[in-house]
Amino acid sequence: MAKNIAIKIARAEKDLTQAALAEAVGISRQTMNAIEQGEYNPSIKLCRAICKVLGKSLDELFGEEN
């Protein structure tokens, strides 16, 4: 899996740490780190929760790159 730079950028735009975003969606900071590093494939429910907190669409954060 490729790194998810879009989440890291969106998180920085909202001035959120990995820990703060993880807490907001109900996961550990380690899991959030694994998602950003492309080492963990989150469920659609978790993807939607991350998108909601960051104010982004599924395509913006998890869509395939062109």
PDB file of N, CA and C in Angstrom:
ATOM      1  N   MET A   1       0.832  -1.184   0.000  1.00  0.00           N
ATOM      2  CA  MET A   1       0.000   0.000   0.000  1.00  0.00           C
ATOM      3  C   MET A   1       0.876   1.245   0.000  1.00  0.00           C
ATOM      4  N   ALA A   2       0.380   2.273  -0.646  1.00  0.00           N
ATOM      5  CA  ALA A   2       1.100   3.536  -0.691  1.00  0.00           C
ATOM      6  C   ALA A   2       0.781   4.374   0.546  1.00  0.00           C
ATOM      7  N   LYS A   3       1.691   5.268   0.883  1.00  0.00           N
ATOM      8  CA  LYS A   3       1.449   6.170   2.000  1.00  0.00           C
ATOM      9  C   LYS A   3       0.255   7.059   1.685  1.00  0.00           C
ATOM     10  N   ASN A   4      -0.498   7.419   2.714  1.00  0.00           N
ATOM     11  CA  ASN A   4      -1.646   8.295   2.524  1.00  0.00           C
ATOM     12  C   ASN A   4      -1.258   9.708   2.950  1.00  0.00           C
ATOM     13  N   ILE A   5      -0.649  10.418   2.019  1.00  0.00           N
ATOM     14  CA  ILE A   5      -0.207  11.786   2.273  1.00  0.00           C
ATOM     15  C   ILE A   5      -1.411  12.716   2.415  1.00  0.00           C
ATOM     16  N   ALA A   6      -2.515  12.414   1.730  1.00  0.00           N
ATOM     17  CA  ALA A   6      -3.703  13.272   1.775  1.00  0.00           C
ATOM     18  C   ALA A   6      -4.239  13.416   3.199  1.00  0.00           C
ATOM     19  N   ILE A   7      -4.233  12.335   3.965  1.00  0.00           N
ATOM     20  CA  ILE A   7      -4.709  12.419   5.348  1.00  0.00           C
ATOM     21  C   ILE A   7      -3.771  13.303   6.157  1.00  0.00           C
ATOM     22  N   LYS A   8      -2.485  13.113   5.985  1.00  0.00           N
ATOM     23  CA  LYS A   8      -1.512  13.912   6.737  1.00  0.00           C
ATOM     24  C   LYS A   8      -1.671  15.396   6.422  1.00  0.00           C
ATOM     25  N   ILE A   9      -1.861  15.729   5.157  1.00  0.00           N
ATOM     26  CA  ILE A   9      -2.041  17.132   4.753  1.00  0.00           C
ATOM     27  C   ILE A   9      -3.333  17.694   5.331  1.00  0.00           C
ATOM     28  N   ALA A  10      -4.429  16.936   5.206  1.00  0.00           N
ATOM     29  CA  ALA A  10      -5.726  17.390   5.724  1.00  0.00           C
ATOM     30  C   ALA A  10      -5.669  17.552   7.242  1.00  0.00           C
ATOM     31  N   ARG A  11      -4.975  16.655   7.892  1.00  0.00           N
ATOM     32  CA  ARG A  11      -4.822  16.724   9.349  1.00  0.00           C
ATOM     33  C   ARG A  11      -4.046  17.985   9.737  1.00  0.00           C
ATOM     34  N   ALA A  12      -2.990  18.293   8.996  1.00  0.00           N
ATOM     35  CA  ALA A  12      -2.187  19.487   9.258  1.00  0.00           C
ATOM     36  C   ALA A  12      -3.002  20.757   9.015  1.00  0.00           C
ATOM     37  N   GLU A  13      -3.847  20.751   7.982  1.00  0.00           N
ATOM     38  CA  GLU A  13      -4.698  21.910   7.690  1.00  0.00           C
ATOM     39  C   GLU A  13      -5.655  22.201   8.849  1.00  0.00           C
ATOM     40  N   LYS A  14      -6.074  21.155   9.549  1.00  0.00           N
ATOM     41  CA  LYS A  14      -6.978  21.306  10.697  1.00  0.00           C
ATOM     42  C   LYS A  14      -6.199  21.455  12.008  1.00  0.00           C
ATOM     43  N   ASP A  15      -4.873  21.467  11.914  1.00  0.00           N
ATOM     44  CA  ASP A  15      -3.991  21.589  13.082  1.00  0.00           C
ATOM     45  C   ASP A  15      -4.268  20.482  14.107  1.00  0.00           C
ATOM     46  N   LEU A  16      -4.389  19.251  13.601  1.00  0.00           N
ATOM     47  CA  LEU A  16      -4.638  18.091  14.452  1.00  0.00           C
ATOM     48  C   LEU A  16      -3.405  17.194  14.480  1.00  0.00           C
ATOM     49  N   THR A  17      -3.094  16.660  15.640  1.00  0.00           N
ATOM     50  CA  THR A  17      -2.048  15.643  15.740  1.00  0.00           C
ATOM     51  C   THR A  17      -2.655  14.299  15.361  1.00  0.00           C
ATOM     52  N   GLN A  18      -1.808  13.317  15.140  1.00  0.00           N
ATOM     53  CA  GLN A  18      -2.302  11.961  14.909  1.00  0.00           C
ATOM     54  C   GLN A  18      -3.136  11.509  16.101  1.00  0.00           C
ATOM     55  N   ALA A  19      -2.677  11.819  17.290  1.00  0.00           N
ATOM     56  CA  ALA A  19      -3.382  11.404  18.504  1.00  0.00           C
ATOM     57  C   ALA A  19      -4.765  12.041  18.583  1.00  0.00           C
ATOM     58  N   ALA A  20      -4.870  13.327  18.242  1.00  0.00           N
ATOM     59  CA  ALA A  20      -6.156  14.025  18.313  1.00  0.00           C
ATOM     60  C   ALA A  20      -7.137  13.471  17.284  1.00  0.00           C
ATOM     61  N   LEU A  21      -6.663  13.226  16.078  1.00  0.00           N
ATOM     62  CA  LEU A  21      -7.535  12.656  15.048  1.00  0.00           C
ATOM     63  C   LEU A  21      -7.950  11.243  15.428  1.00  0.00           C
ATOM     64  N   ALA A  22      -7.004  10.473  15.915  1.00  0.00           N
ATOM     65  CA  ALA A  22      -7.308   9.102  16.334  1.00  0.00           C
ATOM     66  C   ALA A  22      -8.375   9.089  17.423  1.00  0.00           C
ATOM     67  N   GLU A  23      -8.237   9.966  18.408  1.00  0.00           N
ATOM     68  CA  GLU A  23      -9.219  10.036  19.489  1.00  0.00           C
ATOM     69  C   GLU A  23     -10.597  10.421  18.949  1.00  0.00           C
ATOM     70  N   ALA A  24     -10.626  11.344  17.997  1.00  0.00           N
ATOM     71  CA  ALA A  24     -11.890  11.812  17.431  1.00  0.00           C
ATOM     72  C   ALA A  24     -12.642  10.710  16.693  1.00  0.00           C
ATOM     73  N   VAL A  25     -11.902   9.755  16.137  1.00  0.00           N
ATOM     74  CA  VAL A  25     -12.556   8.670  15.385  1.00  0.00           C
ATOM     75  C   VAL A  25     -12.569   7.346  16.145  1.00  0.00           C
ATOM     76  N   GLY A  26     -12.008   7.339  17.359  1.00  0.00           N
ATOM     77  CA  GLY A  26     -12.104   6.164  18.215  1.00  0.00           C
ATOM     78  C   GLY A  26     -11.104   5.051  17.958  1.00  0.00           C
ATOM     79  N   ILE A  27      -9.897   5.443  17.545  1.00  0.00           N
ATOM     80  CA  ILE A  27      -8.834   4.453  17.335  1.00  0.00           C
ATOM     81  C   ILE A  27      -7.581   4.917  18.074  1.00  0.00           C
ATOM     82  N   SER A  28      -6.544   4.081  18.074  1.00  0.00           N
ATOM     83  CA  SER A  28      -5.285   4.457  18.711  1.00  0.00           C
ATOM     84  C   SER A  28      -4.435   5.304  17.770  1.00  0.00           C
ATOM     85  N   ARG A  29      -3.505   6.062  18.348  1.00  0.00           N
ATOM     86  CA  ARG A  29      -2.580   6.842  17.531  1.00  0.00           C
ATOM     87  C   ARG A  29      -1.753   5.933  16.638  1.00  0.00           C
ATOM     88  N   GLN A  30      -1.420   4.745  17.156  1.00  0.00           N
ATOM     89  CA  GLN A  30      -0.626   3.795  16.374  1.00  0.00           C
ATOM     90  C   GLN A  30      -1.384   3.343  15.130  1.00  0.00           C
ATOM     91  N   THR A  31      -2.687   3.136  15.264  1.00  0.00           N
ATOM     92  CA  THR A  31      -3.498   2.747  14.108  1.00  0.00           C
ATOM     93  C   THR A  31      -3.554   3.887  13.098  1.00  0.00           C
ATOM     94  N   MET A  32      -3.719   5.116  13.579  1.00  0.00           N
ATOM     95  CA  MET A  32      -3.737   6.267  12.668  1.00  0.00           C
ATOM     96  C   MET A  32      -2.411   6.390  11.947  1.00  0.00           C
ATOM     97  N   ASN A  33      -1.316   6.179  12.643  1.00  0.00           N
ATOM     98  CA  ASN A  33       0.003   6.210  12.016  1.00  0.00           C
ATOM     99  C   ASN A  33       0.094   5.131  10.930  1.00  0.00           C
ATOM    100  N   ALA A  34      -0.389   3.944  11.225  1.00  0.00           N
ATOM    101  CA  ALA A  34      -0.346   2.849  10.250  1.00  0.00           C
ATOM    102  C   ALA A  34      -1.179   3.181   9.016  1.00  0.00           C
ATOM    103  N   ILE A  35      -2.317   3.851   9.197  1.00  0.00           N
ATOM    104  CA  ILE A  35      -3.144   4.259   8.056  1.00  0.00           C
ATOM    105  C   ILE A  35      -2.371   5.257   7.199  1.00  0.00           C
ATOM    106  N   GLU A  36      -1.773   6.250   7.827  1.00  0.00           N
ATOM    107  CA  GLU A  36      -1.004   7.256   7.081  1.00  0.00           C
ATOM    108  C   GLU A  36       0.198   6.641   6.375  1.00  0.00           C
ATOM    109  N   GLN A  37       0.799   5.641   6.983  1.00  0.00           N
ATOM    110  CA  GLN A  37       1.979   4.992   6.392  1.00  0.00           C
ATOM    111  C   GLN A  37       1.610   3.955   5.331  1.00  0.00           C
ATOM    112  N   GLY A  38       0.312   3.683   5.178  1.00  0.00           N
ATOM    113  CA  GLY A  38      -0.127   2.696   4.198  1.00  0.00           C
ATOM    114  C   GLY A  38       0.059   1.267   4.671  1.00  0.00           C
ATOM    115  N   GLU A  39       0.167   1.083   5.978  1.00  0.00           N
ATOM    116  CA  GLU A  39       0.386  -0.246   6.547  1.00  0.00           C
ATOM    117  C   GLU A  39      -0.904  -0.874   7.077  1.00  0.00           C
ATOM    118  N   TYR A  40      -2.005  -0.122   7.045  1.00  0.00           N
ATOM    119  CA  TYR A  40      -3.281  -0.603   7.559  1.00  0.00           C
ATOM    120  C   TYR A  40      -4.384  -0.129   6.629  1.00  0.00           C
ATOM    121  N   ASN A  41      -5.264  -1.037   6.246  1.00  0.00           N
ATOM    122  CA  ASN A  41      -6.370  -0.723   5.355  1.00  0.00           C
ATOM    123  C   ASN A  41      -7.633  -0.557   6.201  1.00  0.00           C
ATOM    124  N   PRO A  42      -8.077   0.682   6.436  1.00  0.00           N
ATOM    125  CA  PRO A  42      -9.224   0.906   7.318  1.00  0.00           C
ATOM    126  C   PRO A  42     -10.543   0.476   6.682  1.00  0.00           C
ATOM    127  N   SER A  43     -11.510   0.169   7.535  1.00  0.00           N
ATOM    128  CA  SER A  43     -12.851  -0.170   7.062  1.00  0.00           C
ATOM    129  C   SER A  43     -13.501   1.079   6.462  1.00  0.00           C
ATOM    130  N   ILE A  44     -14.546   0.880   5.683  1.00  0.00           N
ATOM    131  CA  ILE A  44     -15.254   2.019   5.094  1.00  0.00           C
ATOM    132  C   ILE A  44     -15.855   2.891   6.194  1.00  0.00           C
ATOM    133  N   LYS A  45     -16.302   2.279   7.270  1.00  0.00           N
ATOM    134  CA  LYS A  45     -16.857   3.037   8.392  1.00  0.00           C
ATOM    135  C   LYS A  45     -15.797   3.957   8.990  1.00  0.00           C
ATOM    136  N   LEU A  46     -14.594   3.445   9.164  1.00  0.00           N
ATOM    137  CA  LEU A  46     -13.502   4.252   9.698  1.00  0.00           C
ATOM    138  C   LEU A  46     -13.092   5.330   8.699  1.00  0.00           C
ATOM    139  N   CYS A  47     -13.044   4.988   7.425  1.00  0.00           N
ATOM    140  CA  CYS A  47     -12.718   5.984   6.390  1.00  0.00           C
ATOM    141  C   CYS A  47     -13.699   7.147   6.442  1.00  0.00           C
ATOM    142  N   ARG A  48     -14.991   6.827   6.560  1.00  0.00           N
ATOM    143  CA  ARG A  48     -16.013   7.877   6.612  1.00  0.00           C
ATOM    144  C   ARG A  48     -15.861   8.738   7.856  1.00  0.00           C
ATOM    145  N   ALA A  49     -15.516   8.125   8.975  1.00  0.00           N
ATOM    146  CA  ALA A  49     -15.316   8.886  10.217  1.00  0.00           C
ATOM    147  C   ALA A  49     -14.143   9.849  10.075  1.00  0.00           C
ATOM    148  N   ILE A  50     -13.061   9.379   9.486  1.00  0.00           N
ATOM    149  CA  ILE A  50     -11.889  10.235   9.258  1.00  0.00           C
ATOM    150  C   ILE A  50     -12.261  11.392   8.339  1.00  0.00           C
ATOM    151  N   CYS A  51     -12.993  11.098   7.272  1.00  0.00           N
ATOM    152  CA  CYS A  51     -13.414  12.134   6.329  1.00  0.00           C
ATOM    153  C   CYS A  51     -14.285  13.184   7.018  1.00  0.00           C
ATOM    154  N   LYS A  52     -15.191  12.738   7.854  1.00  0.00           N
ATOM    155  CA  LYS A  52     -16.094  13.661   8.550  1.00  0.00           C
ATOM    156  C   LYS A  52     -15.309  14.623   9.442  1.00  0.00           C
ATOM    157  N   VAL A  53     -14.372  14.088  10.218  1.00  0.00           N
ATOM    158  CA  VAL A  53     -13.576  14.928  11.112  1.00  0.00           C
ATOM    159  C   VAL A  53     -12.720  15.912  10.317  1.00  0.00           C
ATOM    160  N   LEU A  54     -12.178  15.469   9.199  1.00  0.00           N
ATOM    161  CA  LEU A  54     -11.283  16.316   8.415  1.00  0.00           C
ATOM    162  C   LEU A  54     -12.006  17.191   7.387  1.00  0.00           C
ATOM    163  N   GLY A  55     -13.323  16.977   7.225  1.00  0.00           N
ATOM    164  CA  GLY A  55     -14.090  17.789   6.278  1.00  0.00           C
ATOM    165  C   GLY A  55     -13.721  17.531   4.836  1.00  0.00           C
ATOM    166  N   LYS A  56     -13.400  16.285   4.525  1.00  0.00           N
ATOM    167  CA  LYS A  56     -13.000  15.899   3.170  1.00  0.00           C
ATOM    168  C   LYS A  56     -13.883  14.758   2.680  1.00  0.00           C
ATOM    169  N   SER A  57     -13.888  14.532   1.371  1.00  0.00           N
ATOM    170  CA  SER A  57     -14.654  13.425   0.795  1.00  0.00           C
ATOM    171  C   SER A  57     -13.808  12.150   0.794  1.00  0.00           C
ATOM    172  N   LEU A  58     -14.487  11.022   0.593  1.00  0.00           N
ATOM    173  CA  LEU A  58     -13.763   9.747   0.477  1.00  0.00           C
ATOM    174  C   LEU A  58     -12.758   9.798  -0.663  1.00  0.00           C
ATOM    175  N   ASP A  59     -13.168  10.373  -1.797  1.00  0.00           N
ATOM    176  CA  ASP A  59     -12.260  10.461  -2.943  1.00  0.00           C
ATOM    177  C   ASP A  59     -11.030  11.315  -2.630  1.00  0.00           C
ATOM    178  N   GLU A  60     -11.235  12.400  -1.897  1.00  0.00           N
ATOM    179  CA  GLU A  60     -10.107  13.280  -1.575  1.00  0.00           C
ATOM    180  C   GLU A  60      -9.071  12.578  -0.709  1.00  0.00           C
ATOM    181  N   LEU A  61      -9.522  11.755   0.228  1.00  0.00           N
ATOM    182  CA  LEU A  61      -8.586  11.124   1.165  1.00  0.00           C
ATOM    183  C   LEU A  61      -8.195   9.695   0.806  1.00  0.00           C
ATOM    184  N   PHE A  62      -9.111   8.965   0.167  1.00  0.00           N
ATOM    185  CA  PHE A  62      -8.842   7.554  -0.070  1.00  0.00           C
ATOM    186  C   PHE A  62      -8.960   7.127  -1.529  1.00  0.00           C
ATOM    187  N   GLY A  63      -9.239   8.069  -2.425  1.00  0.00           N
ATOM    188  CA  GLY A  63      -9.381   7.748  -3.842  1.00  0.00           C
ATOM    189  C   GLY A  63      -8.048   7.362  -4.462  1.00  0.00           C
ATOM    190  N   GLU A  64      -8.149   6.626  -5.537  1.00  0.00           N
ATOM    191  CA  GLU A  64      -6.935   6.234  -6.259  1.00  0.00           C
ATOM    192  C   GLU A  64      -6.328   7.445  -6.937  1.00  0.00           C
ATOM    193  N   GLU A  65      -5.017   7.497  -6.938  1.00  0.00           N
ATOM    194  CA  GLU A  65      -4.333   8.596  -7.630  1.00  0.00           C
ATOM    195  C   GLU A  65      -4.407   8.368  -9.125  1.00  0.00           C
ATOM    196  N   ASN A  66      -4.520   9.464  -9.870  1.00  0.00           N
ATOM    197  CA  ASN A  66      -4.589   9.351 -11.341  1.00  0.00           C
ATOM    198  C   ASN A  66      -3.211   9.218 -11.932  1.00  0.00           C
TER     199      ASN A  66
END
